[in-house]
Amino acid sequence: MSSGYAAIFDIINDLIIRMEARSGLRTEFDMEGIVKGYFEADILSEELRKKFERYKELVSKGELSDEEYEEIDQLEYYLDEIPDYLAQELTAEYNRLKLEFSNKG
């Protein structure tokens, strides 16, 4: 996401938080839908996509080296920080893959 889109995203997110605080109501906004619909932008950075694709590749392998286990740990540390509202489909798939991988061994 370009810095312009990121700034607009932050402004919208801040407005939503303020509206919720003022009204006392919790609303459910699809931030990904807002960004895609209004700004024709993809909310996921290229770096995030690459890290997620690498994670999928590694956890689907049969046997892993020590270095690959370490890489998985680093990727999980990064991917665990993605807010659910930012990429619901990605976080759902990531959580499923993570659970399957932890059940493997």
PDB file of N, CA and C in Angstrom:
ATOM      1  N   MET A   1       0.857  -1.160   0.000  1.00  0.00           N
ATOM      2  CA  MET A   1       0.000   0.000   0.000  1.00  0.00           C
ATOM      3  C   MET A   1       0.905   1.225   0.000  1.00  0.00           C
ATOM      4  N   SER A   2       0.595   2.151  -0.850  1.00  0.00           N
ATOM      5  CA  SER A   2       1.415   3.354  -0.895  1.00  0.00           C
ATOM      6  C   SER A   2       1.215   4.167   0.373  1.00  0.00           C
ATOM      7  N   SER A   3       2.133   5.097   0.622  1.00  0.00           N
ATOM      8  CA  SER A   3       2.037   5.897   1.847  1.00  0.00           C
ATOM      9  C   SER A   3       0.787   6.762   1.843  1.00  0.00           C
ATOM     10  N   GLY A   4       0.316   7.178   0.673  1.00  0.00           N
ATOM     11  CA  GLY A   4      -0.919   7.959   0.585  1.00  0.00           C
ATOM     12  C   GLY A   4      -2.121   7.146   1.021  1.00  0.00           C
ATOM     13  N   TYR A   5      -2.211   5.912   0.520  1.00  0.00           N
ATOM     14  CA  TYR A   5      -3.310   5.042   0.918  1.00  0.00           C
ATOM     15  C   TYR A   5      -3.211   4.694   2.398  1.00  0.00           C
ATOM     16  N   ALA A   6      -2.006   4.472   2.877  1.00  0.00           N
ATOM     17  CA  ALA A   6      -1.815   4.147   4.297  1.00  0.00           C
ATOM     18  C   ALA A   6      -2.287   5.302   5.177  1.00  0.00           C
ATOM     19  N   ALA A   7      -1.999   6.519   4.762  1.00  0.00           N
ATOM     20  CA  ALA A   7      -2.440   7.686   5.538  1.00  0.00           C
ATOM     21  C   ALA A   7      -3.956   7.776   5.554  1.00  0.00           C
ATOM     22  N   ILE A   8      -4.583   7.565   4.408  1.00  0.00           N
ATOM     23  CA  ILE A   8      -6.043   7.609   4.341  1.00  0.00           C
ATOM     24  C   ILE A   8      -6.642   6.491   5.190  1.00  0.00           C
ATOM     25  N   PHE A   9      -6.056   5.313   5.119  1.00  0.00           N
ATOM     26  CA  PHE A   9      -6.511   4.193   5.937  1.00  0.00           C
ATOM     27  C   PHE A   9      -6.450   4.564   7.417  1.00  0.00           C
ATOM     28  N   ASP A  10      -5.357   5.166   7.837  1.00  0.00           N
ATOM     29  CA  ASP A  10      -5.210   5.562   9.242  1.00  0.00           C
ATOM     30  C   ASP A  10      -6.262   6.596   9.643  1.00  0.00           C
ATOM     31  N   ILE A  11      -6.553   7.539   8.763  1.00  0.00           N
ATOM     32  CA  ILE A  11      -7.561   8.569   9.044  1.00  0.00           C
ATOM     33  C   ILE A  11      -8.939   7.930   9.208  1.00  0.00           C
ATOM     34  N   ILE A  12      -9.295   7.038   8.290  1.00  0.00           N
ATOM     35  CA  ILE A  12     -10.591   6.368   8.374  1.00  0.00           C
ATOM     36  C   ILE A  12     -10.681   5.539   9.649  1.00  0.00           C
ATOM     37  N   ASN A  13      -9.636   4.806   9.939  1.00  0.00           N
ATOM     38  CA  ASN A  13      -9.621   3.981  11.149  1.00  0.00           C
ATOM     39  C   ASN A  13      -9.782   4.856  12.393  1.00  0.00           C
ATOM     40  N   ASP A  14      -9.096   5.986  12.445  1.00  0.00           N
ATOM     41  CA  ASP A  14      -9.202   6.908  13.568  1.00  0.00           C
ATOM     42  C   ASP A  14     -10.625   7.458  13.690  1.00  0.00           C
ATOM     43  N   LEU A  15     -11.240   7.810  12.562  1.00  0.00           N
ATOM     44  CA  LEU A  15     -12.618   8.315  12.582  1.00  0.00           C
ATOM     45  C   LEU A  15     -13.588   7.268  13.117  1.00  0.00           C
ATOM     46  N   ILE A  16     -13.416   6.040  12.701  1.00  0.00           N
ATOM     47  CA  ILE A  16     -14.296   4.968  13.176  1.00  0.00           C
ATOM     48  C   ILE A  16     -14.151   4.802  14.684  1.00  0.00           C
ATOM     49  N   ILE A  17     -12.928   4.802  15.171  1.00  0.00           N
ATOM     50  CA  ILE A  17     -12.687   4.652  16.611  1.00  0.00           C
ATOM     51  C   ILE A  17     -13.326   5.800  17.376  1.00  0.00           C
ATOM     52  N   ARG A  18     -13.198   7.028  16.856  1.00  0.00           N
ATOM     53  CA  ARG A  18     -13.796   8.189  17.527  1.00  0.00           C
ATOM     54  C   ARG A  18     -15.323   8.110  17.517  1.00  0.00           C
ATOM     55  N   MET A  19     -15.893   7.686  16.391  1.00  0.00           N
ATOM     56  CA  MET A  19     -17.352   7.571  16.316  1.00  0.00           C
ATOM     57  C   MET A  19     -17.853   6.529  17.308  1.00  0.00           C
ATOM     58  N   GLU A  20     -17.141   5.416  17.410  1.00  0.00           N
ATOM     59  CA  GLU A  20     -17.537   4.373  18.354  1.00  0.00           C
ATOM     60  C   GLU A  20     -17.428   4.872  19.787  1.00  0.00           C
ATOM     61  N   ALA A  21     -16.364   5.595  20.097  1.00  0.00           N
ATOM     62  CA  ALA A  21     -16.169   6.106  21.449  1.00  0.00           C
ATOM     63  C   ALA A  21     -17.258   7.115  21.812  1.00  0.00           C
ATOM     64  N   ARG A  22     -17.595   7.973  20.884  1.00  0.00           N
ATOM     65  CA  ARG A  22     -18.596   9.005  21.127  1.00  0.00           C
ATOM     66  C   ARG A  22     -19.987   8.394  21.296  1.00  0.00           C
ATOM     67  N   SER A  23     -20.310   7.394  20.484  1.00  0.00           N
ATOM     68  CA  SER A  23     -21.649   6.814  20.523  1.00  0.00           C
ATOM     69  C   SER A  23     -21.778   5.715  21.570  1.00  0.00           C
ATOM     70  N   GLY A  24     -20.659   5.151  21.986  1.00  0.00           N
ATOM     71  CA  GLY A  24     -20.696   4.037  22.927  1.00  0.00           C
ATOM     72  C   GLY A  24     -21.081   2.728  22.269  1.00  0.00           C
ATOM     73  N   LEU A  25     -21.195   2.727  20.957  1.00  0.00           N
ATOM     74  CA  LEU A  25     -21.570   1.522  20.223  1.00  0.00           C
ATOM     75  C   LEU A  25     -20.356   0.939  19.525  1.00  0.00           C
ATOM     76  N   ARG A  26     -20.340  -0.352  19.432  1.00  0.00           N
ATOM     77  CA  ARG A  26     -19.268  -1.040  18.704  1.00  0.00           C
ATOM     78  C   ARG A  26     -19.804  -1.397  17.335  1.00  0.00           C
ATOM     79  N   THR A  27     -19.169  -0.910  16.300  1.00  0.00           N
ATOM     80  CA  THR A  27     -19.599  -1.208  14.937  1.00  0.00           C
ATOM     81  C   THR A  27     -18.637  -2.193  14.313  1.00  0.00           C
ATOM     82  N   GLU A  28     -19.116  -2.871  13.333  1.00  0.00           N
ATOM     83  CA  GLU A  28     -18.281  -3.824  12.621  1.00  0.00           C
ATOM     84  C   GLU A  28     -18.063  -3.309  11.198  1.00  0.00           C
ATOM     85  N   PHE A  29     -16.913  -2.757  10.952  1.00  0.00           N
ATOM     86  CA  PHE A  29     -16.567  -2.278   9.626  1.00  0.00           C
ATOM     87  C   PHE A  29     -15.567  -3.227   9.001  1.00  0.00           C
ATOM     88  N   ASP A  30     -15.729  -3.460   7.750  1.00  0.00           N
ATOM     89  CA  ASP A  30     -14.794  -4.281   6.997  1.00  0.00           C
ATOM     90  C   ASP A  30     -13.751  -3.340   6.401  1.00  0.00           C
ATOM     91  N   MET A  31     -12.646  -3.145   7.140  1.00  0.00           N
ATOM     92  CA  MET A  31     -11.622  -2.202   6.703  1.00  0.00           C
ATOM     93  C   MET A  31     -11.044  -2.588   5.351  1.00  0.00           C
ATOM     94  N   GLU A  32     -10.866  -3.875   5.129  1.00  0.00           N
ATOM     95  CA  GLU A  32     -10.330  -4.318   3.849  1.00  0.00           C
ATOM     96  C   GLU A  32     -11.274  -3.916   2.724  1.00  0.00           C
ATOM     97  N   GLY A  33     -12.574  -4.086   2.939  1.00  0.00           N
ATOM     98  CA  GLY A  33     -13.562  -3.713   1.940  1.00  0.00           C
ATOM     99  C   GLY A  33     -13.574  -2.218   1.686  1.00  0.00           C
ATOM    100  N   ILE A  34     -13.437  -1.422   2.748  1.00  0.00           N
ATOM    101  CA  ILE A  34     -13.412   0.029   2.602  1.00  0.00           C
ATOM    102  C   ILE A  34     -12.228   0.459   1.754  1.00  0.00           C
ATOM    103  N   VAL A  35     -11.059  -0.051   2.087  1.00  0.00           N
ATOM    104  CA  VAL A  35      -9.854   0.345   1.354  1.00  0.00           C
ATOM    105  C   VAL A  35      -9.926  -0.108  -0.098  1.00  0.00           C
ATOM    106  N   LYS A  36     -10.342  -1.350  -0.323  1.00  0.00           N
ATOM    107  CA  LYS A  36     -10.437  -1.835  -1.700  1.00  0.00           C
ATOM    108  C   LYS A  36     -11.493  -1.087  -2.488  1.00  0.00           C
ATOM    109  N   GLY A  37     -12.653  -0.894  -1.876  1.00  0.00           N
ATOM    110  CA  GLY A  37     -13.771  -0.279  -2.580  1.00  0.00           C
ATOM    111  C   GLY A  37     -13.556   1.181  -2.895  1.00  0.00           C
ATOM    112  N   TYR A  38     -13.100   1.949  -1.935  1.00  0.00           N
ATOM    113  CA  TYR A  38     -12.965   3.385  -2.145  1.00  0.00           C
ATOM    114  C   TYR A  38     -11.667   3.784  -2.821  1.00  0.00           C
ATOM    115  N   PHE A  39     -10.633   3.053  -2.554  1.00  0.00           N
ATOM    116  CA  PHE A  39      -9.325   3.487  -3.047  1.00  0.00           C
ATOM    117  C   PHE A  39      -8.728   2.548  -4.079  1.00  0.00           C
ATOM    118  N   GLU A  40      -9.472   1.488  -4.409  1.00  0.00           N
ATOM    119  CA  GLU A  40      -8.991   0.514  -5.374  1.00  0.00           C
ATOM    120  C   GLU A  40      -7.564   0.088  -5.041  1.00  0.00           C
ATOM    121  N   ALA A  41      -7.335  -0.148  -3.764  1.00  0.00           N
ATOM    122  CA  ALA A  41      -5.996  -0.518  -3.298  1.00  0.00           C
ATOM    123  C   ALA A  41      -6.047  -1.876  -2.618  1.00  0.00           C
ATOM    124  N   ASP A  42      -4.974  -2.572  -2.701  1.00  0.00           N
ATOM    125  CA  ASP A  42      -4.832  -3.837  -2.005  1.00  0.00           C
ATOM    126  C   ASP A  42      -4.233  -3.543  -0.644  1.00  0.00           C
ATOM    127  N   ILE A  43      -4.892  -4.021   0.392  1.00  0.00           N
ATOM    128  CA  ILE A  43      -4.494  -3.676   1.747  1.00  0.00           C
ATOM    129  C   ILE A  43      -3.228  -4.427   2.200  1.00  0.00           C
ATOM    130  N   LEU A  44      -2.937  -5.536   1.578  1.00  0.00           N
ATOM    131  CA  LEU A  44      -1.797  -6.334   1.991  1.00  0.00           C
ATOM    132  C   LEU A  44      -0.536  -5.887   1.262  1.00  0.00           C
ATOM    133  N   SER A  45       0.503  -5.687   2.004  1.00  0.00           N
ATOM    134  CA  SER A  45       1.762  -5.288   1.393  1.00  0.00           C
ATOM    135  C   SER A  45       2.383  -6.485   0.683  1.00  0.00           C
ATOM    136  N   GLU A  46       3.242  -6.183  -0.227  1.00  0.00           N
ATOM    137  CA  GLU A  46       3.957  -7.244  -0.944  1.00  0.00           C
ATOM    138  C   GLU A  46       4.803  -8.062   0.029  1.00  0.00           C
ATOM    139  N   GLU A  47       5.396  -7.390   0.998  1.00  0.00           N
ATOM    140  CA  GLU A  47       6.209  -8.092   1.997  1.00  0.00           C
ATOM    141  C   GLU A  47       5.367  -9.092   2.784  1.00  0.00           C
ATOM    142  N   LEU A  48       4.188  -8.671   3.184  1.00  0.00           N
ATOM    143  CA  LEU A  48       3.301  -9.563   3.935  1.00  0.00           C
ATOM    144  C   LEU A  48       2.909 -10.760   3.083  1.00  0.00           C
ATOM    145  N   ARG A  49       2.574 -10.505   1.842  1.00  0.00           N
ATOM    146  CA  ARG A  49       2.211 -11.616   0.941  1.00  0.00           C
ATOM    147  C   ARG A  49       3.364 -12.610   0.797  1.00  0.00           C
ATOM    148  N   LYS A  50       4.570 -12.098   0.617  1.00  0.00           N
ATOM    149  CA  LYS A  50       5.735 -12.980   0.464  1.00  0.00           C
ATOM    150  C   LYS A  50       5.970 -13.806   1.717  1.00  0.00           C
ATOM    151  N   LYS A  51       5.854 -13.169   2.874  1.00  0.00           N
ATOM    152  CA  LYS A  51       6.071 -13.890   4.129  1.00  0.00           C
ATOM    153  C   LYS A  51       5.004 -14.963   4.327  1.00  0.00           C
ATOM    154  N   PHE A  52       3.760 -14.636   4.009  1.00  0.00           N
ATOM    155  CA  PHE A  52       2.688 -15.611   4.155  1.00  0.00           C
ATOM    156  C   PHE A  52       2.866 -16.775   3.184  1.00  0.00           C
ATOM    157  N   GLU A  53       3.225 -16.489   1.942  1.00  0.00           N
ATOM    158  CA  GLU A  53       3.449 -17.554   0.956  1.00  0.00           C
ATOM    159  C   GLU A  53       4.616 -18.446   1.383  1.00  0.00           C
ATOM    160  N   ARG A  54       5.657 -17.845   1.908  1.00  0.00           N
ATOM    161  CA  ARG A  54       6.802 -18.631   2.393  1.00  0.00           C
ATOM    162  C   ARG A  54       6.384 -19.504   3.574  1.00  0.00           C
ATOM    163  N   TYR A  55       5.577 -18.954   4.460  1.00  0.00           N
ATOM    164  CA  TYR A  55       5.080 -19.727   5.603  1.00  0.00           C
ATOM    165  C   TYR A  55       4.278 -20.932   5.112  1.00  0.00           C
ATOM    166  N   LYS A  56       3.377 -20.718   4.164  1.00  0.00           N
ATOM    167  CA  LYS A  56       2.577 -21.818   3.618  1.00  0.00           C
ATOM    168  C   LYS A  56       3.479 -22.893   3.015  1.00  0.00           C
ATOM    169  N   GLU A  57       4.480 -22.445   2.301  1.00  0.00           N
ATOM    170  CA  GLU A  57       5.418 -23.377   1.669  1.00  0.00           C
ATOM    171  C   GLU A  57       6.136 -24.231   2.715  1.00  0.00           C
ATOM    172  N   LEU A  58       6.628 -23.583   3.757  1.00  0.00           N
ATOM    173  CA  LEU A  58       7.396 -24.304   4.775  1.00  0.00           C
ATOM    174  C   LEU A  58       6.534 -25.284   5.580  1.00  0.00           C
ATOM    175  N   VAL A  59       5.370 -24.840   6.034  1.00  0.00           N
ATOM    176  CA  VAL A  59       4.558 -25.714   6.894  1.00  0.00           C
ATOM    177  C   VAL A  59       3.956 -26.884   6.136  1.00  0.00           C
ATOM    178  N   SER A  60       3.951 -26.810   4.815  1.00  0.00           N
ATOM    179  CA  SER A  60       3.409 -27.920   4.036  1.00  0.00           C
ATOM    180  C   SER A  60       4.474 -28.969   3.696  1.00  0.00           C
ATOM    181  N   LYS A  61       5.737 -28.665   3.988  1.00  0.00           N
ATOM    182  CA  LYS A  61       6.816 -29.601   3.698  1.00  0.00           C
ATOM    183  C   LYS A  61       6.753 -30.794   4.650  1.00  0.00           C
ATOM    184  N   GLY A  62       7.238 -31.913   4.174  1.00  0.00           N
ATOM    185  CA  GLY A  62       7.268 -33.121   5.000  1.00  0.00           C
ATOM    186  C   GLY A  62       8.324 -33.064   6.082  1.00  0.00           C
ATOM    187  N   GLU A  63       9.536 -32.782   5.682  1.00  0.00           N
ATOM    188  CA  GLU A  63      10.639 -32.696   6.641  1.00  0.00           C
ATOM    189  C   GLU A  63      11.259 -31.313   6.561  1.00  0.00           C
ATOM    190  N   LEU A  64      11.645 -30.805   7.734  1.00  0.00           N
ATOM    191  CA  LEU A  64      12.220 -29.463   7.818  1.00  0.00           C
ATOM    192  C   LEU A  64      13.589 -29.506   8.469  1.00  0.00           C
ATOM    193  N   SER A  65      14.452 -28.638   8.005  1.00  0.00           N
ATOM    194  CA  SER A  65      15.770 -28.497   8.637  1.00  0.00           C
ATOM    195  C   SER A  65      15.628 -27.590   9.854  1.00  0.00           C
ATOM    196  N   ASP A  66      16.678 -27.541  10.666  1.00  0.00           N
ATOM    197  CA  ASP A  66      16.674 -26.645  11.826  1.00  0.00           C
ATOM    198  C   ASP A  66      16.512 -25.198  11.391  1.00  0.00           C
ATOM    199  N   GLU A  67      17.151 -24.841  10.281  1.00  0.00           N
ATOM    200  CA  GLU A  67      17.051 -23.474   9.766  1.00  0.00           C
ATOM    201  C   GLU A  67      15.617 -23.151   9.344  1.00  0.00           C
ATOM    202  N   GLU A  68      14.944 -24.133   8.769  1.00  0.00           N
ATOM    203  CA  GLU A  68      13.559 -23.904   8.342  1.00  0.00           C
ATOM    204  C   GLU A  68      12.624 -23.762   9.543  1.00  0.00           C
ATOM    205  N   TYR A  69      12.859 -24.540  10.598  1.00  0.00           N
ATOM    206  CA  TYR A  69      12.073 -24.365  11.827  1.00  0.00           C
ATOM    207  C   TYR A  69      12.282 -22.962  12.403  1.00  0.00           C
ATOM    208  N   GLU A  70      13.516 -22.513  12.361  1.00  0.00           N
ATOM    209  CA  GLU A  70      13.810 -21.163  12.844  1.00  0.00           C
ATOM    210  C   GLU A  70      13.115 -20.113  11.980  1.00  0.00           C
ATOM    211  N   GLU A  71      13.118 -20.329  10.674  1.00  0.00           N
ATOM    212  CA  GLU A  71      12.442 -19.401   9.772  1.00  0.00           C
ATOM    213  C   GLU A  71      10.936 -19.387  10.047  1.00  0.00           C
ATOM    214  N   ILE A  72      10.348 -20.546  10.300  1.00  0.00           N
ATOM    215  CA  ILE A  72       8.922 -20.617  10.643  1.00  0.00           C
ATOM    216  C   ILE A  72       8.643 -19.811  11.900  1.00  0.00           C
ATOM    217  N   ASP A  73       9.506 -19.945  12.910  1.00  0.00           N
ATOM    218  CA  ASP A  73       9.332 -19.163  14.142  1.00  0.00           C
ATOM    219  C   ASP A  73       9.348 -17.661  13.852  1.00  0.00           C
ATOM    220  N   GLN A  74      10.283 -17.235  13.016  1.00  0.00           N
ATOM    221  CA  GLN A  74      10.378 -15.814  12.675  1.00  0.00           C
ATOM    222  C   GLN A  74       9.149 -15.343  11.891  1.00  0.00           C
ATOM    223  N   LEU A  75       8.698 -16.169  10.977  1.00  0.00           N
ATOM    224  CA  LEU A  75       7.514 -15.813  10.200  1.00  0.00           C
ATOM    225  C   LEU A  75       6.274 -15.758  11.091  1.00  0.00           C
ATOM    226  N   GLU A  76       6.146 -16.700  12.016  1.00  0.00           N
ATOM    227  CA  GLU A  76       5.001 -16.690  12.934  1.00  0.00           C
ATOM    228  C   GLU A  76       5.024 -15.441  13.805  1.00  0.00           C
ATOM    229  N   TYR A  77       6.192 -15.046  14.246  1.00  0.00           N
ATOM    230  CA  TYR A  77       6.306 -13.827  15.052  1.00  0.00           C
ATOM    231  C   TYR A  77       5.772 -12.629  14.274  1.00  0.00           C
ATOM    232  N   TYR A  78       6.100 -12.561  13.001  1.00  0.00           N
ATOM    233  CA  TYR A  78       5.632 -11.471  12.139  1.00  0.00           C
ATOM    234  C   TYR A  78       4.138 -11.604  11.858  1.00  0.00           C
ATOM    235  N   LEU A  79       3.708 -12.783  11.452  1.00  0.00           N
ATOM    236  CA  LEU A  79       2.322 -12.987  11.041  1.00  0.00           C
ATOM    237  C   LEU A  79       1.343 -12.926  12.206  1.00  0.00           C
ATOM    238  N   ASP A  80       1.789 -13.232  13.407  1.00  0.00           N
ATOM    239  CA  ASP A  80       0.920 -13.144  14.585  1.00  0.00           C
ATOM    240  C   ASP A  80       0.474 -11.716  14.864  1.00  0.00           C
ATOM    241  N   GLU A  81       1.202 -10.742  14.331  1.00  0.00           N
ATOM    242  CA  GLU A  81       0.908  -9.336  14.610  1.00  0.00           C
ATOM    243  C   GLU A  81      -0.095  -8.716  13.642  1.00  0.00           C
ATOM    244  N   ILE A  82      -0.567  -9.466  12.676  1.00  0.00           N
ATOM    245  CA  ILE A  82      -1.520  -8.926  11.705  1.00  0.00           C
ATOM    246  C   ILE A  82      -2.884  -8.820  12.381  1.00  0.00           C
ATOM    247  N   PRO A  83      -3.458  -7.623  12.437  1.00  0.00           N
ATOM    248  CA  PRO A  83      -4.790  -7.488  13.041  1.00  0.00           C
ATOM    249  C   PRO A  83      -5.837  -8.220  12.194  1.00  0.00           C
ATOM    250  N   ASP A  84      -6.776  -8.897  12.852  1.00  0.00           N
ATOM    251  CA  ASP A  84      -7.815  -9.635  12.135  1.00  0.00           C
ATOM    252  C   ASP A  84      -8.592  -8.751  11.181  1.00  0.00           C
ATOM    253  N   TYR A  85      -8.885  -7.511  11.588  1.00  0.00           N
ATOM    254  CA  TYR A  85      -9.705  -6.641  10.752  1.00  0.00           C
ATOM    255  C   TYR A  85      -8.983  -6.213   9.478  1.00  0.00           C
ATOM    256  N   LEU A  86      -7.697  -6.372   9.447  1.00  0.00           N
ATOM    257  CA  LEU A  86      -6.925  -5.921   8.301  1.00  0.00           C
ATOM    258  C   LEU A  86      -6.993  -6.911   7.143  1.00  0.00           C
ATOM    259  N   ALA A  87      -6.991  -8.188   7.459  1.00  0.00           N
ATOM    260  CA  ALA A  87      -6.997  -9.218   6.414  1.00  0.00           C
ATOM    261  C   ALA A  87      -7.638 -10.479   6.965  1.00  0.00           C
ATOM    262  N   GLN A  88      -8.950 -10.493   7.033  1.00  0.00           N
ATOM    263  CA  GLN A  88      -9.668 -11.583   7.674  1.00  0.00           C
ATOM    264  C   GLN A  88      -9.407 -12.929   7.024  1.00  0.00           C
ATOM    265  N   GLU A  89      -9.427 -12.983   5.707  1.00  0.00           N
ATOM    266  CA  GLU A  89      -9.210 -14.259   5.029  1.00  0.00           C
ATOM    267  C   GLU A  89      -7.798 -14.771   5.267  1.00  0.00           C
ATOM    268  N   LEU A  90      -6.833 -13.879   5.181  1.00  0.00           N
ATOM    269  CA  LEU A  90      -5.441 -14.287   5.387  1.00  0.00           C
ATOM    270  C   LEU A  90      -5.228 -14.762   6.818  1.00  0.00           C
ATOM    271  N   THR A  91      -5.733 -14.035   7.797  1.00  0.00           N
ATOM    272  CA  THR A  91      -5.518 -14.440   9.183  1.00  0.00           C
ATOM    273  C   THR A  91      -6.234 -15.744   9.498  1.00  0.00           C
ATOM    274  N   ALA A  92      -7.407 -15.960   8.901  1.00  0.00           N
ATOM    275  CA  ALA A  92      -8.118 -17.225   9.109  1.00  0.00           C
ATOM    276  C   ALA A  92      -7.303 -18.385   8.538  1.00  0.00           C
ATOM    277  N   GLU A  93      -6.792 -18.219   7.331  1.00  0.00           N
ATOM    278  CA  GLU A  93      -5.986 -19.277   6.727  1.00  0.00           C
ATOM    279  C   GLU A  93      -4.686 -19.481   7.499  1.00  0.00           C
ATOM    280  N   TYR A  94      -4.069 -18.385   7.907  1.00  0.00           N
ATOM    281  CA  TYR A  94      -2.830 -18.487   8.694  1.00  0.00           C
ATOM    282  C   TYR A  94      -3.077 -19.254   9.997  1.00  0.00           C
ATOM    283  N   ASN A  95      -4.148 -18.911  10.709  1.00  0.00           N
ATOM    284  CA  ASN A  95      -4.443 -19.598  11.970  1.00  0.00           C
ATOM    285  C   ASN A  95      -4.719 -21.082  11.756  1.00  0.00           C
ATOM    286  N   ARG A  96      -5.388 -21.411  10.649  1.00  0.00           N
ATOM    287  CA  ARG A  96      -5.641 -22.818  10.327  1.00  0.00           C
ATOM    288  C   ARG A  96      -4.326 -23.553  10.052  1.00  0.00           C
ATOM    289  N   LEU A  97      -3.473 -22.947   9.232  1.00  0.00           N
ATOM    290  CA  LEU A  97      -2.178 -23.566   8.917  1.00  0.00           C
ATOM    291  C   LEU A  97      -1.312 -23.728  10.167  1.00  0.00           C
ATOM    292  N   LYS A  98      -1.331 -22.712  11.012  1.00  0.00           N
ATOM    293  CA  LYS A  98      -0.527 -22.751  12.231  1.00  0.00           C
ATOM    294  C   LYS A  98      -0.989 -23.888  13.147  1.00  0.00           C
ATOM    295  N   LEU A  99      -2.297 -24.038  13.274  1.00  0.00           N
ATOM    296  CA  LEU A  99      -2.851 -25.121  14.100  1.00  0.00           C
ATOM    297  C   LEU A  99      -2.490 -26.484  13.518  1.00  0.00           C
ATOM    298  N   GLU A 100      -2.652 -26.640  12.225  1.00  0.00           N
ATOM    299  CA  GLU A 100      -2.298 -27.903  11.572  1.00  0.00           C
ATOM    300  C   GLU A 100      -0.818 -28.209  11.756  1.00  0.00           C
ATOM    301  N   PHE A 101       0.029 -27.205  11.617  1.00  0.00           N
ATOM    302  CA  PHE A 101       1.463 -27.410  11.771  1.00  0.00           C
ATOM    303  C   PHE A 101       1.813 -27.795  13.219  1.00  0.00           C
ATOM    304  N   SER A 102       1.191 -27.135  14.179  1.00  0.00           N
ATOM    305  CA  SER A 102       1.484 -27.458  15.584  1.00  0.00           C
ATOM    306  C   SER A 102       0.989 -28.849  15.942  1.00  0.00           C
ATOM    307  N   ASN A 103      -0.045 -29.334  15.257  1.00  0.00           N
ATOM    308  CA  ASN A 103      -0.557 -30.685  15.517  1.00  0.00           C
ATOM    309  C   ASN A 103       0.276 -31.770  14.847  1.00  0.00           C
ATOM    310  N   LYS A 104       1.120 -31.376  13.893  1.00  0.00           N
ATOM    311  CA  LYS A 104       1.984 -32.339  13.193  1.00  0.00           C
ATOM    312  C   LYS A 104       3.023 -32.964  14.115  1.00  0.00           C
ATOM    313  N   GLY A 105       3.593 -32.129  14.929  1.00  0.00           N
ATOM    314  CA  GLY A 105       4.726 -32.685  15.650  1.00  0.00           C
ATOM    315  C   GLY A 105       4.910 -32.085  16.930  1.00  0.00           C
TER     316      GLY A 105
END
